[in-house]
Amino acid sequence: MKTKGNIKMSDCELILTCPFFNDKEHYASSMVETDKSLYCRGEYTGCGRYIAFKAFERELISI
């Protein structure tokens, strides 16, 4: 799998700016880490934040 720094090709495109992924203070439990592995570093298309981002992105592009 190709990587760029610590970011893998299968990682969510929002991983560098996502508050859920990057906020270590508020999101720092083992359950959250499991969710990050599942969504941020895997099946990110099922993530609510990603879905909302894509929906708003489409609206902004069509304006």
PDB file of N, CA and C in Angstrom:
ATOM      1  N   MET A   1       0.843  -1.182   0.000  1.00  0.00           N
ATOM      2  CA  MET A   1       0.000   0.000   0.000  1.00  0.00           C
ATOM      3  C   MET A   1       0.885   1.241   0.000  1.00  0.00           C
ATOM      4  N   LYS A   2       0.564   2.192  -0.840  1.00  0.00           N
ATOM      5  CA  LYS A   2       1.358   3.418  -0.920  1.00  0.00           C
ATOM      6  C   LYS A   2       1.088   4.297   0.291  1.00  0.00           C
ATOM      7  N   THR A   3       2.130   4.978   0.751  1.00  0.00           N
ATOM      8  CA  THR A   3       1.974   5.882   1.888  1.00  0.00           C
ATOM      9  C   THR A   3       2.602   7.229   1.575  1.00  0.00           C
ATOM     10  N   LYS A   4       2.151   8.232   2.288  1.00  0.00           N
ATOM     11  CA  LYS A   4       2.734   9.571   2.199  1.00  0.00           C
ATOM     12  C   LYS A   4       2.890  10.025   3.643  1.00  0.00           C
ATOM     13  N   GLY A   5       4.090   9.903   4.176  1.00  0.00           N
ATOM     14  CA  GLY A   5       4.276  10.144   5.598  1.00  0.00           C
ATOM     15  C   GLY A   5       3.594   9.021   6.354  1.00  0.00           C
ATOM     16  N   ASN A   6       2.739   9.341   7.293  1.00  0.00           N
ATOM     17  CA  ASN A   6       1.960   8.337   8.018  1.00  0.00           C
ATOM     18  C   ASN A   6       0.597   8.102   7.393  1.00  0.00           C
ATOM     19  N   ILE A   7       0.312   8.748   6.272  1.00  0.00           N
ATOM     20  CA  ILE A   7      -0.991   8.633   5.634  1.00  0.00           C
ATOM     21  C   ILE A   7      -0.931   7.574   4.542  1.00  0.00           C
ATOM     22  N   LYS A   8      -1.881   6.643   4.588  1.00  0.00           N
ATOM     23  CA  LYS A   8      -1.947   5.566   3.605  1.00  0.00           C
ATOM     24  C   LYS A   8      -3.002   5.889   2.568  1.00  0.00           C
ATOM     25  N   MET A   9      -2.916   5.258   1.436  1.00  0.00           N
ATOM     26  CA  MET A   9      -3.881   5.474   0.359  1.00  0.00           C
ATOM     27  C   MET A   9      -5.302   5.137   0.809  1.00  0.00           C
ATOM     28  N   SER A  10      -5.461   4.203   1.761  1.00  0.00           N
ATOM     29  CA  SER A  10      -6.797   3.811   2.221  1.00  0.00           C
ATOM     30  C   SER A  10      -7.340   4.743   3.296  1.00  0.00           C
ATOM     31  N   ASP A  11      -6.545   5.723   3.737  1.00  0.00           N
ATOM     32  CA  ASP A  11      -6.995   6.667   4.758  1.00  0.00           C
ATOM     33  C   ASP A  11      -7.977   7.672   4.170  1.00  0.00           C
ATOM     34  N   CYS A  12      -8.842   8.168   5.028  1.00  0.00           N
ATOM     35  CA  CYS A  12      -9.797   9.198   4.633  1.00  0.00           C
ATOM     36  C   CYS A  12      -9.057  10.446   4.157  1.00  0.00           C
ATOM     37  N   GLU A  13      -9.583  11.094   3.148  1.00  0.00           N
ATOM     38  CA  GLU A  13      -8.949  12.306   2.628  1.00  0.00           C
ATOM     39  C   GLU A  13      -9.014  13.462   3.618  1.00  0.00           C
ATOM     40  N   LEU A  14      -9.862  13.352   4.633  1.00  0.00           N
ATOM     41  CA  LEU A  14     -10.017  14.410   5.629  1.00  0.00           C
ATOM     42  C   LEU A  14      -9.180  14.186   6.886  1.00  0.00           C
ATOM     43  N   ILE A  15      -8.389  13.122   6.909  1.00  0.00           N
ATOM     44  CA  ILE A  15      -7.701  12.704   8.123  1.00  0.00           C
ATOM     45  C   ILE A  15      -6.812  13.795   8.738  1.00  0.00           C
ATOM     46  N   LEU A  16      -6.222  14.634   7.938  1.00  0.00           N
ATOM     47  CA  LEU A  16      -5.328  15.667   8.478  1.00  0.00           C
ATOM     48  C   LEU A  16      -6.076  16.804   9.158  1.00  0.00           C
ATOM     49  N   THR A  17      -7.327  17.027   8.776  1.00  0.00           N
ATOM     50  CA  THR A  17      -8.083  18.153   9.324  1.00  0.00           C
ATOM     51  C   THR A  17      -9.286  17.736  10.166  1.00  0.00           C
ATOM     52  N   CYS A  18      -9.588  16.477  10.248  1.00  0.00           N
ATOM     53  CA  CYS A  18     -10.765  15.999  10.962  1.00  0.00           C
ATOM     54  C   CYS A  18     -10.601  16.158  12.475  1.00  0.00           C
ATOM     55  N   PRO A  19     -11.513  16.893  13.132  1.00  0.00           N
ATOM     56  CA  PRO A  19     -11.422  17.078  14.581  1.00  0.00           C
ATOM     57  C   PRO A  19     -11.538  15.750  15.335  1.00  0.00           C
ATOM     58  N   PHE A  20     -12.364  14.831  14.854  1.00  0.00           N
ATOM     59  CA  PHE A  20     -12.512  13.532  15.514  1.00  0.00           C
ATOM     60  C   PHE A  20     -11.192  12.772  15.526  1.00  0.00           C
ATOM     61  N   PHE A  21     -10.493  12.765  14.407  1.00  0.00           N
ATOM     62  CA  PHE A  21      -9.241  12.020  14.318  1.00  0.00           C
ATOM     63  C   PHE A  21      -8.104  12.698  15.070  1.00  0.00           C
ATOM     64  N   ASN A  22      -8.065  13.999  15.055  1.00  0.00           N
ATOM     65  CA  ASN A  22      -6.909  14.735  15.578  1.00  0.00           C
ATOM     66  C   ASN A  22      -7.050  15.265  17.001  1.00  0.00           C
ATOM     67  N   ASP A  23      -8.232  15.295  17.579  1.00  0.00           N
ATOM     68  CA  ASP A  23      -8.427  15.809  18.935  1.00  0.00           C
ATOM     69  C   ASP A  23      -8.146  14.701  19.947  1.00  0.00           C
ATOM     70  N   LYS A  24      -6.935  14.680  20.458  1.00  0.00           N
ATOM     71  CA  LYS A  24      -6.512  13.638  21.398  1.00  0.00           C
ATOM     72  C   LYS A  24      -7.093  13.838  22.790  1.00  0.00           C
ATOM     73  N   GLU A  25      -7.472  15.060  23.122  1.00  0.00           N
ATOM     74  CA  GLU A  25      -7.990  15.359  24.452  1.00  0.00           C
ATOM     75  C   GLU A  25      -9.409  14.820  24.647  1.00  0.00           C
ATOM     76  N   HIS A  26     -10.287  15.058  23.690  1.00  0.00           N
ATOM     77  CA  HIS A  26     -11.688  14.681  23.836  1.00  0.00           C
ATOM     78  C   HIS A  26     -12.013  13.296  23.284  1.00  0.00           C
ATOM     79  N   TYR A  27     -11.208  12.829  22.378  1.00  0.00           N
ATOM     80  CA  TYR A  27     -11.450  11.521  21.754  1.00  0.00           C
ATOM     81  C   TYR A  27     -10.255  10.610  21.999  1.00  0.00           C
ATOM     82  N   ALA A  28     -10.138  10.110  23.212  1.00  0.00           N
ATOM     83  CA  ALA A  28      -8.940   9.331  23.541  1.00  0.00           C
ATOM     84  C   ALA A  28      -9.254   8.062  24.330  1.00  0.00           C
ATOM     85  N   SER A  29     -10.222   7.290  23.908  1.00  0.00           N
ATOM     86  CA  SER A  29     -10.493   6.015  24.564  1.00  0.00           C
ATOM     87  C   SER A  29     -10.187   4.876  23.599  1.00  0.00           C
ATOM     88  N   SER A  30     -10.129   3.662  24.120  1.00  0.00           N
ATOM     89  CA  SER A  30      -9.844   2.522  23.242  1.00  0.00           C
ATOM     90  C   SER A  30     -10.985   2.302  22.243  1.00  0.00           C
ATOM     91  N   MET A  31     -12.215   2.628  22.640  1.00  0.00           N
ATOM     92  CA  MET A  31     -13.350   2.504  21.722  1.00  0.00           C
ATOM     93  C   MET A  31     -13.217   3.493  20.569  1.00  0.00           C
ATOM     94  N   VAL A  32     -12.794   4.705  20.881  1.00  0.00           N
ATOM     95  CA  VAL A  32     -12.588   5.720  19.844  1.00  0.00           C
ATOM     96  C   VAL A  32     -11.467   5.284  18.911  1.00  0.00           C
ATOM     97  N   GLU A  33     -10.412   4.719  19.452  1.00  0.00           N
ATOM     98  CA  GLU A  33      -9.299   4.242  18.621  1.00  0.00           C
ATOM     99  C   GLU A  33      -9.767   3.150  17.661  1.00  0.00           C
ATOM    100  N   THR A  34     -10.679   2.297  18.128  1.00  0.00           N
ATOM    101  CA  THR A  34     -11.247   1.270  17.259  1.00  0.00           C
ATOM    102  C   THR A  34     -12.039   1.906  16.129  1.00  0.00           C
ATOM    103  N   ASP A  35     -12.852   2.919  16.466  1.00  0.00           N
ATOM    104  CA  ASP A  35     -13.616   3.628  15.432  1.00  0.00           C
ATOM    105  C   ASP A  35     -12.692   4.318  14.436  1.00  0.00           C
ATOM    106  N   LYS A  36     -11.612   4.905  14.924  1.00  0.00           N
ATOM    107  CA  LYS A  36     -10.651   5.567  14.031  1.00  0.00           C
ATOM    108  C   LYS A  36     -10.038   4.567  13.066  1.00  0.00           C
ATOM    109  N   SER A  37      -9.701   3.378  13.573  1.00  0.00           N
ATOM    110  CA  SER A  37      -9.138   2.342  12.704  1.00  0.00           C
ATOM    111  C   SER A  37     -10.146   1.913  11.651  1.00  0.00           C
ATOM    112  N   LEU A  38     -11.399   1.790  12.070  1.00  0.00           N
ATOM    113  CA  LEU A  38     -12.444   1.346  11.150  1.00  0.00           C
ATOM    114  C   LEU A  38     -12.782   2.409  10.119  1.00  0.00           C
ATOM    115  N   TYR A  39     -13.045   3.639  10.575  1.00  0.00           N
ATOM    116  CA  TYR A  39     -13.519   4.678   9.672  1.00  0.00           C
ATOM    117  C   TYR A  39     -12.397   5.531   9.076  1.00  0.00           C
ATOM    118  N   CYS A  40     -11.534   6.087   9.900  1.00  0.00           N
ATOM    119  CA  CYS A  40     -10.514   7.017   9.406  1.00  0.00           C
ATOM    120  C   CYS A  40      -9.443   6.316   8.568  1.00  0.00           C
ATOM    121  N   ARG A  41      -9.149   5.091   8.925  1.00  0.00           N
ATOM    122  CA  ARG A  41      -8.091   4.353   8.243  1.00  0.00           C
ATOM    123  C   ARG A  41      -8.617   3.126   7.512  1.00  0.00           C
ATOM    124  N   GLY A  42      -9.865   3.184   7.103  1.00  0.00           N
ATOM    125  CA  GLY A  42     -10.449   2.041   6.405  1.00  0.00           C
ATOM    126  C   GLY A  42     -11.682   2.435   5.626  1.00  0.00           C
ATOM    127  N   GLU A  43     -12.839   2.058   6.133  1.00  0.00           N
ATOM    128  CA  GLU A  43     -14.107   2.290   5.454  1.00  0.00           C
ATOM    129  C   GLU A  43     -14.650   3.692   5.734  1.00  0.00           C
ATOM    130  N   TYR A  44     -13.894   4.697   5.362  1.00  0.00           N
ATOM    131  CA  TYR A  44     -14.254   6.078   5.684  1.00  0.00           C
ATOM    132  C   TYR A  44     -15.520   6.548   4.986  1.00  0.00           C
ATOM    133  N   THR A  45     -15.927   5.895   3.914  1.00  0.00           N
ATOM    134  CA  THR A  45     -17.141   6.321   3.217  1.00  0.00           C
ATOM    135  C   THR A  45     -18.394   6.080   4.054  1.00  0.00           C
ATOM    136  N   GLY A  46     -18.275   5.334   5.153  1.00  0.00           N
ATOM    137  CA  GLY A  46     -19.390   5.115   6.059  1.00  0.00           C
ATOM    138  C   GLY A  46     -19.401   6.076   7.237  1.00  0.00           C
ATOM    139  N   CYS A  47     -18.420   6.951   7.314  1.00  0.00           N
ATOM    140  CA  CYS A  47     -18.297   7.910   8.410  1.00  0.00           C
ATOM    141  C   CYS A  47     -19.278   9.070   8.213  1.00  0.00           C
ATOM    142  N   GLY A  48     -20.015   9.411   9.267  1.00  0.00           N
ATOM    143  CA  GLY A  48     -20.983  10.506   9.184  1.00  0.00           C
ATOM    144  C   GLY A  48     -20.348  11.836   8.826  1.00  0.00           C
ATOM    145  N   ARG A  49     -19.175  12.103   9.374  1.00  0.00           N
ATOM    146  CA  ARG A  49     -18.490  13.362   9.066  1.00  0.00           C
ATOM    147  C   ARG A  49     -18.096  13.420   7.593  1.00  0.00           C
ATOM    148  N   TYR A  50     -17.616  12.305   7.074  1.00  0.00           N
ATOM    149  CA  TYR A  50     -17.221  12.235   5.664  1.00  0.00           C
ATOM    150  C   TYR A  50     -18.441  12.410   4.756  1.00  0.00           C
ATOM    151  N   ILE A  51     -19.539  11.723   5.100  1.00  0.00           N
ATOM    152  CA  ILE A  51     -20.768  11.814   4.307  1.00  0.00           C
ATOM    153  C   ILE A  51     -21.275  13.254   4.276  1.00  0.00           C
ATOM    154  N   ALA A  52     -21.282  13.912   5.439  1.00  0.00           N
ATOM    155  CA  ALA A  52     -21.733  15.311   5.506  1.00  0.00           C
ATOM    156  C   ALA A  52     -20.816  16.217   4.692  1.00  0.00           C
ATOM    157  N   PHE A  53     -19.508  16.005   4.805  1.00  0.00           N
ATOM    158  CA  PHE A  53     -18.550  16.799   4.039  1.00  0.00           C
ATOM    159  C   PHE A  53     -18.823  16.667   2.545  1.00  0.00           C
ATOM    160  N   LYS A  54     -19.000  15.458   2.084  1.00  0.00           N
ATOM    161  CA  LYS A  54     -19.234  15.223   0.661  1.00  0.00           C
ATOM    162  C   LYS A  54     -20.553  15.855   0.204  1.00  0.00           C
ATOM    163  N   ALA A  55     -21.584  15.799   1.044  1.00  0.00           N
ATOM    164  CA  ALA A  55     -22.874  16.394   0.687  1.00  0.00           C
ATOM    165  C   ALA A  55     -22.740  17.904   0.554  1.00  0.00           C
ATOM    166  N   PHE A  56     -22.071  18.538   1.502  1.00  0.00           N
ATOM    167  CA  PHE A  56     -21.896  19.988   1.438  1.00  0.00           C
ATOM    168  C   PHE A  56     -20.938  20.389   0.327  1.00  0.00           C
ATOM    169  N   GLU A  57     -19.947  19.563   0.076  1.00  0.00           N
ATOM    170  CA  GLU A  57     -19.005  19.835  -1.014  1.00  0.00           C
ATOM    171  C   GLU A  57     -19.749  19.890  -2.347  1.00  0.00           C
ATOM    172  N   ARG A  58     -20.654  18.970  -2.567  1.00  0.00           N
ATOM    173  CA  ARG A  58     -21.445  18.953  -3.806  1.00  0.00           C
ATOM    174  C   ARG A  58     -22.292  20.214  -3.921  1.00  0.00           C
ATOM    175  N   GLU A  59     -22.896  20.632  -2.796  1.00  0.00           N
ATOM    176  CA  GLU A  59     -23.714  21.852  -2.817  1.00  0.00           C
ATOM    177  C   GLU A  59     -22.870  23.067  -3.164  1.00  0.00           C
ATOM    178  N   LEU A  60     -21.678  23.159  -2.594  1.00  0.00           N
ATOM    179  CA  LEU A  60     -20.813  24.307  -2.855  1.00  0.00           C
ATOM    180  C   LEU A  60     -20.337  24.328  -4.302  1.00  0.00           C
ATOM    181  N   ILE A  61     -20.067  23.160  -4.859  1.00  0.00           N
ATOM    182  CA  ILE A  61     -19.599  23.089  -6.237  1.00  0.00           C
ATOM    183  C   ILE A  61     -20.705  23.489  -7.207  1.00  0.00           C
ATOM    184  N   SER A  62     -21.956  23.161  -6.883  1.00  0.00           N
ATOM    185  CA  SER A  62     -23.063  23.442  -7.811  1.00  0.00           C
ATOM    186  C   SER A  62     -23.563  24.889  -7.724  1.00  0.00           C
ATOM    187  N   ILE A  63     -23.070  25.662  -6.787  1.00  0.00           N
ATOM    188  CA  ILE A  63     -23.505  27.076  -6.650  1.00  0.00           C
ATOM    189  C   ILE A  63     -22.904  27.910  -7.747  1.00  0.00           C
TER     190      ILE A  63
END
